[in-house]
Amino acid sequence: MTNALETKVEQLTRKLEQMELKGSHEVKSVVKVEEVCAICEMAGHSTGECFNIPALKNVLNGMSPEEMSAIQRY
């Protein structure tokens, strides 16, 4: 069970990193569209630009298997 949780945390971390990279390399269109972040649900920035990403990574990396299991139940 611990290996499965570690694998999921690694996958989430990789996805967050990919989102960060994609957000920093995106070409902005001329038409301004109000973006809503999928992480914090605030308008004005994309998910890849969310200021919560570093904190989220730290939380996920520092969790015990029991904590990860509790979160997955929700």
PDB file of N, CA and C in Angstrom:
ATOM      1  N   MET A   1       0.833  -1.191   0.000  1.00  0.00           N
ATOM      2  CA  MET A   1       0.000   0.000   0.000  1.00  0.00           C
ATOM      3  C   MET A   1       0.876   1.254   0.000  1.00  0.00           C
ATOM      4  N   THR A   2       1.970   1.254   0.730  1.00  0.00           N
ATOM      5  CA  THR A   2       2.849   2.418   0.791  1.00  0.00           C
ATOM      6  C   THR A   2       3.442   2.720  -0.575  1.00  0.00           C
ATOM      7  N   ASN A   3       3.858   1.695  -1.315  1.00  0.00           N
ATOM      8  CA  ASN A   3       4.413   1.904  -2.645  1.00  0.00           C
ATOM      9  C   ASN A   3       3.393   2.547  -3.567  1.00  0.00           C
ATOM     10  N   ALA A   4       2.146   2.150  -3.464  1.00  0.00           N
ATOM     11  CA  ALA A   4       1.094   2.731  -4.301  1.00  0.00           C
ATOM     12  C   ALA A   4       0.913   4.208  -3.979  1.00  0.00           C
ATOM     13  N   LEU A   5       0.954   4.552  -2.708  1.00  0.00           N
ATOM     14  CA  LEU A   5       0.813   5.958  -2.314  1.00  0.00           C
ATOM     15  C   LEU A   5       2.006   6.775  -2.776  1.00  0.00           C
ATOM     16  N   GLU A   6       3.187   6.222  -2.626  1.00  0.00           N
ATOM     17  CA  GLU A   6       4.388   6.923  -3.074  1.00  0.00           C
ATOM     18  C   GLU A   6       4.344   7.148  -4.578  1.00  0.00           C
ATOM     19  N   THR A   7       3.872   6.157  -5.305  1.00  0.00           N
ATOM     20  CA  THR A   7       3.756   6.276  -6.754  1.00  0.00           C
ATOM     21  C   THR A   7       2.780   7.379  -7.121  1.00  0.00           C
ATOM     22  N   LYS A   8       1.648   7.431  -6.419  1.00  0.00           N
ATOM     23  CA  LYS A   8       0.661   8.472  -6.696  1.00  0.00           C
ATOM     24  C   LYS A   8       1.203   9.859  -6.380  1.00  0.00           C
ATOM     25  N   VAL A   9       1.928   9.995  -5.293  1.00  0.00           N
ATOM     26  CA  VAL A   9       2.527  11.287  -4.937  1.00  0.00           C
ATOM     27  C   VAL A   9       3.530  11.699  -6.012  1.00  0.00           C
ATOM     28  N   GLU A  10       4.338  10.756  -6.475  1.00  0.00           N
ATOM     29  CA  GLU A  10       5.301  11.049  -7.533  1.00  0.00           C
ATOM     30  C   GLU A  10       4.592  11.472  -8.813  1.00  0.00           C
ATOM     31  N   GLN A  11       3.496  10.797  -9.146  1.00  0.00           N
ATOM     32  CA  GLN A  11       2.736  11.152 -10.344  1.00  0.00           C
ATOM     33  C   GLN A  11       2.140  12.557 -10.210  1.00  0.00           C
ATOM     34  N   LEU A  12       1.590  12.869  -9.044  1.00  0.00           N
ATOM     35  CA  LEU A  12       1.033  14.204  -8.819  1.00  0.00           C
ATOM     36  C   LEU A  12       2.117  15.271  -8.897  1.00  0.00           C
ATOM     37  N   THR A  13       3.264  14.979  -8.325  1.00  0.00           N
ATOM     38  CA  THR A  13       4.376  15.927  -8.367  1.00  0.00           C
ATOM     39  C   THR A  13       4.798  16.176  -9.805  1.00  0.00           C
ATOM     40  N   ARG A  14       4.916  15.110 -10.602  1.00  0.00           N
ATOM     41  CA  ARG A  14       5.292  15.263 -12.011  1.00  0.00           C
ATOM     42  C   ARG A  14       4.254  16.082 -12.771  1.00  0.00           C
ATOM     43  N   LYS A  15       2.975  15.829 -12.512  1.00  0.00           N
ATOM     44  CA  LYS A  15       1.918  16.591 -13.180  1.00  0.00           C
ATOM     45  C   LYS A  15       1.987  18.070 -12.815  1.00  0.00           C
ATOM     46  N   LEU A  16       2.229  18.361 -11.544  1.00  0.00           N
ATOM     47  CA  LEU A  16       2.354  19.753 -11.124  1.00  0.00           C
ATOM     48  C   LEU A  16       3.547  20.418 -11.800  1.00  0.00           C
ATOM     49  N   GLU A  17       4.653  19.711 -11.875  1.00  0.00           N
ATOM     50  CA  GLU A  17       5.837  20.260 -12.531  1.00  0.00           C
ATOM     51  C   GLU A  17       5.574  20.514 -14.013  1.00  0.00           C
ATOM     52  N   GLN A  18       4.860  19.594 -14.667  1.00  0.00           N
ATOM     53  CA  GLN A  18       4.526  19.780 -16.073  1.00  0.00           C
ATOM     54  C   GLN A  18       3.610  20.989 -16.245  1.00  0.00           C
ATOM     55  N   MET A  19       2.672  21.161 -15.327  1.00  0.00           N
ATOM     56  CA  MET A  19       1.773  22.308 -15.386  1.00  0.00           C
ATOM     57  C   MET A  19       2.559  23.607 -15.203  1.00  0.00           C
ATOM     58  N   GLU A  20       3.542  23.597 -14.304  1.00  0.00           N
ATOM     59  CA  GLU A  20       4.382  24.771 -14.087  1.00  0.00           C
ATOM     60  C   GLU A  20       5.149  25.111 -15.367  1.00  0.00           C
ATOM     61  N   LEU A  21       5.757  24.105 -15.976  1.00  0.00           N
ATOM     62  CA  LEU A  21       6.533  24.335 -17.188  1.00  0.00           C
ATOM     63  C   LEU A  21       5.643  24.797 -18.325  1.00  0.00           C
ATOM     64  N   LYS A  22       4.518  24.180 -18.479  1.00  0.00           N
ATOM     65  CA  LYS A  22       3.598  24.556 -19.549  1.00  0.00           C
ATOM     66  C   LYS A  22       3.130  25.999 -19.358  1.00  0.00           C
ATOM     67  N   GLY A  23       2.835  26.364 -18.124  1.00  0.00           N
ATOM     68  CA  GLY A  23       2.374  27.721 -17.842  1.00  0.00           C
ATOM     69  C   GLY A  23       3.432  28.757 -18.143  1.00  0.00           C
ATOM     70  N   SER A  24       4.697  28.429 -17.937  1.00  0.00           N
ATOM     71  CA  SER A  24       5.758  29.406 -18.169  1.00  0.00           C
ATOM     72  C   SER A  24       6.115  29.525 -19.648  1.00  0.00           C
ATOM     73  N   HIS A  25       5.713  28.564 -20.475  1.00  0.00           N
ATOM     74  CA  HIS A  25       6.039  28.589 -21.894  1.00  0.00           C
ATOM     75  C   HIS A  25       4.829  28.880 -22.779  1.00  0.00           C
ATOM     76  N   GLU A  26       3.692  29.091 -22.191  1.00  0.00           N
ATOM     77  CA  GLU A  26       2.497  29.359 -22.977  1.00  0.00           C
ATOM     78  C   GLU A  26       2.592  30.713 -23.666  1.00  0.00           C
ATOM     79  N   VAL A  27       2.045  30.770 -24.851  1.00  0.00           N
ATOM     80  CA  VAL A  27       1.948  32.037 -25.561  1.00  0.00           C
ATOM     81  C   VAL A  27       0.590  32.619 -25.219  1.00  0.00           C
ATOM     82  N   LYS A  28       0.602  33.852 -24.732  1.00  0.00           N
ATOM     83  CA  LYS A  28      -0.640  34.508 -24.354  1.00  0.00           C
ATOM     84  C   LYS A  28      -1.350  35.004 -25.611  1.00  0.00           C
ATOM     85  N   SER A  29      -2.643  34.785 -25.688  1.00  0.00           N
ATOM     86  CA  SER A  29      -3.405  35.244 -26.833  1.00  0.00           C
ATOM     87  C   SER A  29      -3.713  36.735 -26.696  1.00  0.00           C
ATOM     88  N   VAL A  30      -4.096  37.343 -27.794  1.00  0.00           N
ATOM     89  CA  VAL A  30      -4.411  38.765 -27.799  1.00  0.00           C
ATOM     90  C   VAL A  30      -5.710  39.018 -27.046  1.00  0.00           C
ATOM     91  N   VAL A  31      -6.653  38.094 -27.160  1.00  0.00           N
ATOM     92  CA  VAL A  31      -7.931  38.232 -26.472  1.00  0.00           C
ATOM     93  C   VAL A  31      -7.737  37.848 -25.016  1.00  0.00           C
ATOM     94  N   LYS A  32      -8.090  38.753 -24.132  1.00  0.00           N
ATOM     95  CA  LYS A  32      -7.926  38.498 -22.690  1.00  0.00           C
ATOM     96  C   LYS A  32      -9.135  37.700 -22.193  1.00  0.00           C
ATOM     97  N   VAL A  33      -8.884  36.508 -21.704  1.00  0.00           N
ATOM     98  CA  VAL A  33      -9.920  35.647 -21.140  1.00  0.00           C
ATOM     99  C   VAL A  33      -9.635  35.504 -19.653  1.00  0.00           C
ATOM    100  N   GLU A  34     -10.638  35.724 -18.834  1.00  0.00           N
ATOM    101  CA  GLU A  34     -10.457  35.615 -17.383  1.00  0.00           C
ATOM    102  C   GLU A  34     -10.243  34.142 -17.034  1.00  0.00           C
ATOM    103  N   GLU A  35      -9.055  33.843 -16.544  1.00  0.00           N
ATOM    104  CA  GLU A  35      -8.721  32.473 -16.184  1.00  0.00           C
ATOM    105  C   GLU A  35      -9.097  32.208 -14.729  1.00  0.00           C
ATOM    106  N   VAL A  36      -9.477  30.977 -14.463  1.00  0.00           N
ATOM    107  CA  VAL A  36      -9.757  30.558 -13.096  1.00  0.00           C
ATOM    108  C   VAL A  36      -8.850  29.373 -12.798  1.00  0.00           C
ATOM    109  N   CYS A  37      -8.093  29.495 -11.734  1.00  0.00           N
ATOM    110  CA  CYS A  37      -7.143  28.461 -11.334  1.00  0.00           C
ATOM    111  C   CYS A  37      -7.891  27.234 -10.799  1.00  0.00           C
ATOM    112  N   ALA A  38      -7.466  26.054 -11.236  1.00  0.00           N
ATOM    113  CA  ALA A  38      -8.086  24.816 -10.765  1.00  0.00           C
ATOM    114  C   ALA A  38      -7.621  24.427  -9.366  1.00  0.00           C
ATOM    115  N   ILE A  39      -6.532  25.025  -8.889  1.00  0.00           N
ATOM    116  CA  ILE A  39      -6.019  24.698  -7.560  1.00  0.00           C
ATOM    117  C   ILE A  39      -6.707  25.541  -6.489  1.00  0.00           C
ATOM    118  N   CYS A  40      -6.629  26.877  -6.647  1.00  0.00           N
ATOM    119  CA  CYS A  40      -7.184  27.763  -5.609  1.00  0.00           C
ATOM    120  C   CYS A  40      -8.541  28.351  -5.991  1.00  0.00           C
ATOM    121  N   GLU A  41      -8.959  28.110  -7.242  1.00  0.00           N
ATOM    122  CA  GLU A  41     -10.245  28.576  -7.768  1.00  0.00           C
ATOM    123  C   GLU A  41     -10.375  30.102  -7.789  1.00  0.00           C
ATOM    124  N   MET A  42      -9.235  30.786  -7.850  1.00  0.00           N
ATOM    125  CA  MET A  42      -9.239  32.243  -7.955  1.00  0.00           C
ATOM    126  C   MET A  42      -9.037  32.638  -9.419  1.00  0.00           C
ATOM    127  N   ALA A  43      -9.654  33.712  -9.822  1.00  0.00           N
ATOM    128  CA  ALA A  43      -9.505  34.221 -11.182  1.00  0.00           C
ATOM    129  C   ALA A  43      -8.232  35.050 -11.276  1.00  0.00           C
ATOM    130  N   GLY A  44      -7.720  35.170 -12.496  1.00  0.00           N
ATOM    131  CA  GLY A  44      -6.596  36.055 -12.733  1.00  0.00           C
ATOM    132  C   GLY A  44      -5.278  35.360 -13.007  1.00  0.00           C
ATOM    133  N   HIS A  45      -5.210  34.073 -12.791  1.00  0.00           N
ATOM    134  CA  HIS A  45      -3.993  33.329 -13.128  1.00  0.00           C
ATOM    135  C   HIS A  45      -4.368  31.901 -13.497  1.00  0.00           C
ATOM    136  N   SER A  46      -3.493  31.281 -14.279  1.00  0.00           N
ATOM    137  CA  SER A  46      -3.742  29.899 -14.680  1.00  0.00           C
ATOM    138  C   SER A  46      -3.316  28.947 -13.561  1.00  0.00           C
ATOM    139  N   THR A  47      -3.697  27.708 -13.696  1.00  0.00           N
ATOM    140  CA  THR A  47      -3.325  26.696 -12.715  1.00  0.00           C
ATOM    141  C   THR A  47      -1.809  26.565 -12.615  1.00  0.00           C
ATOM    142  N   GLY A  48      -1.116  26.618 -13.752  1.00  0.00           N
ATOM    143  CA  GLY A  48       0.336  26.503 -13.768  1.00  0.00           C
ATOM    144  C   GLY A  48       1.055  27.668 -13.113  1.00  0.00           C
ATOM    145  N   GLU A  49       0.354  28.793 -12.947  1.00  0.00           N
ATOM    146  CA  GLU A  49       0.951  29.979 -12.329  1.00  0.00           C
ATOM    147  C   GLU A  49       0.537  30.146 -10.868  1.00  0.00           C
ATOM    148  N   CYS A  50      -0.181  29.180 -10.327  1.00  0.00           N
ATOM    149  CA  CYS A  50      -0.732  29.310  -8.974  1.00  0.00           C
ATOM    150  C   CYS A  50       0.374  29.416  -7.925  1.00  0.00           C
ATOM    151  N   PHE A  51       0.214  30.366  -7.033  1.00  0.00           N
ATOM    152  CA  PHE A  51       1.195  30.584  -5.964  1.00  0.00           C
ATOM    153  C   PHE A  51       1.153  29.466  -4.924  1.00  0.00           C
ATOM    154  N   ASN A  52       0.147  28.605  -4.985  1.00  0.00           N
ATOM    155  CA  ASN A  52       0.019  27.502  -4.029  1.00  0.00           C
ATOM    156  C   ASN A  52       0.789  26.249  -4.439  1.00  0.00           C
ATOM    157  N   ILE A  53       1.324  26.193  -5.647  1.00  0.00           N
ATOM    158  CA  ILE A  53       2.005  24.984  -6.124  1.00  0.00           C
ATOM    159  C   ILE A  53       3.189  24.596  -5.230  1.00  0.00           C
ATOM    160  N   PRO A  54       4.095  25.517  -4.882  1.00  0.00           N
ATOM    161  CA  PRO A  54       5.210  25.096  -4.012  1.00  0.00           C
ATOM    162  C   PRO A  54       4.732  24.557  -2.663  1.00  0.00           C
ATOM    163  N   ALA A  55       3.730  25.198  -2.083  1.00  0.00           N
ATOM    164  CA  ALA A  55       3.222  24.731  -0.790  1.00  0.00           C
ATOM    165  C   ALA A  55       2.562  23.367  -0.934  1.00  0.00           C
ATOM    166  N   LEU A  56       1.836  23.168  -2.022  1.00  0.00           N
ATOM    167  CA  LEU A  56       1.172  21.886  -2.261  1.00  0.00           C
ATOM    168  C   LEU A  56       2.197  20.776  -2.422  1.00  0.00           C
ATOM    169  N   LYS A  57       3.275  21.049  -3.147  1.00  0.00           N
ATOM    170  CA  LYS A  57       4.339  20.043  -3.300  1.00  0.00           C
ATOM    171  C   LYS A  57       4.934  19.679  -1.943  1.00  0.00           C
ATOM    172  N   ASN A  58       5.194  20.688  -1.123  1.00  0.00           N
ATOM    173  CA  ASN A  58       5.769  20.432   0.197  1.00  0.00           C
ATOM    174  C   ASN A  58       4.842  19.593   1.051  1.00  0.00           C
ATOM    175  N   VAL A  59       3.563  19.876   0.986  1.00  0.00           N
ATOM    176  CA  VAL A  59       2.588  19.120   1.777  1.00  0.00           C
ATOM    177  C   VAL A  59       2.550  17.670   1.301  1.00  0.00           C
ATOM    178  N   LEU A  60       2.454  17.469  -0.006  1.00  0.00           N
ATOM    179  CA  LEU A  60       2.383  16.107  -0.540  1.00  0.00           C
ATOM    180  C   LEU A  60       3.649  15.314  -0.232  1.00  0.00           C
ATOM    181  N   ASN A  61       4.796  15.943  -0.374  1.00  0.00           N
ATOM    182  CA  ASN A  61       6.059  15.245  -0.120  1.00  0.00           C
ATOM    183  C   ASN A  61       6.266  14.928   1.353  1.00  0.00           C
ATOM    184  N   GLY A  62       5.677  15.706   2.245  1.00  0.00           N
ATOM    185  CA  GLY A  62       5.891  15.509   3.670  1.00  0.00           C
ATOM    186  C   GLY A  62       4.851  14.647   4.357  1.00  0.00           C
ATOM    187  N   MET A  63       3.907  14.120   3.606  1.00  0.00           N
ATOM    188  CA  MET A  63       2.830  13.348   4.219  1.00  0.00           C
ATOM    189  C   MET A  63       3.243  11.908   4.499  1.00  0.00           C
ATOM    190  N   SER A  64       2.719  11.423   5.584  1.00  0.00           N
ATOM    191  CA  SER A  64       2.912  10.014   5.905  1.00  0.00           C
ATOM    192  C   SER A  64       1.908   9.191   5.093  1.00  0.00           C
ATOM    193  N   PRO A  65       2.143   7.910   4.965  1.00  0.00           N
ATOM    194  CA  PRO A  65       1.192   7.057   4.254  1.00  0.00           C
ATOM    195  C   PRO A  65      -0.221   7.118   4.856  1.00  0.00           C
ATOM    196  N   GLU A  66      -0.303   7.254   6.173  1.00  0.00           N
ATOM    197  CA  GLU A  66      -1.610   7.319   6.827  1.00  0.00           C
ATOM    198  C   GLU A  66      -2.346   8.600   6.418  1.00  0.00           C
ATOM    199  N   GLU A  67      -1.611   9.708   6.345  1.00  0.00           N
ATOM    200  CA  GLU A  67      -2.224  10.977   5.941  1.00  0.00           C
ATOM    201  C   GLU A  67      -2.686  10.914   4.490  1.00  0.00           C
ATOM    202  N   MET A  68      -1.858  10.335   3.619  1.00  0.00           N
ATOM    203  CA  MET A  68      -2.246  10.197   2.218  1.00  0.00           C
ATOM    204  C   MET A  68      -3.492   9.333   2.082  1.00  0.00           C
ATOM    205  N   SER A  69      -3.557   8.283   2.860  1.00  0.00           N
ATOM    206  CA  SER A  69      -4.716   7.402   2.832  1.00  0.00           C
ATOM    207  C   SER A  69      -5.975   8.144   3.262  1.00  0.00           C
ATOM    208  N   ALA A  70      -5.855   8.969   4.285  1.00  0.00           N
ATOM    209  CA  ALA A  70      -7.001   9.741   4.765  1.00  0.00           C
ATOM    210  C   ALA A  70      -7.482  10.718   3.709  1.00  0.00           C
ATOM    211  N   ILE A  71      -6.580  11.350   3.005  1.00  0.00           N
ATOM    212  CA  ILE A  71      -6.951  12.306   1.959  1.00  0.00           C
ATOM    213  C   ILE A  71      -7.634  11.606   0.797  1.00  0.00           C
ATOM    214  N   GLN A  72      -7.164  10.435   0.446  1.00  0.00           N
ATOM    215  CA  GLN A  72      -7.710   9.714  -0.700  1.00  0.00           C
ATOM    216  C   GLN A  72      -9.155   9.265  -0.456  1.00  0.00           C
ATOM    217  N   ARG A  73      -9.583   9.225   0.777  1.00  0.00           N
ATOM    218  CA  ARG A  73     -10.957   8.821   1.078  1.00  0.00           C
ATOM    219  C   ARG A  73     -11.960   9.904   0.693  1.00  0.00           C
ATOM    220  N   TYR A  74     -11.493  11.133   0.498  1.00  0.00           N
ATOM    221  CA  TYR A  74     -12.406  12.246   0.185  1.00  0.00           C
ATOM    222  C   TYR A  74     -12.595  12.437  -1.259  1.00  0.00           C
TER     223      TYR A  74
END
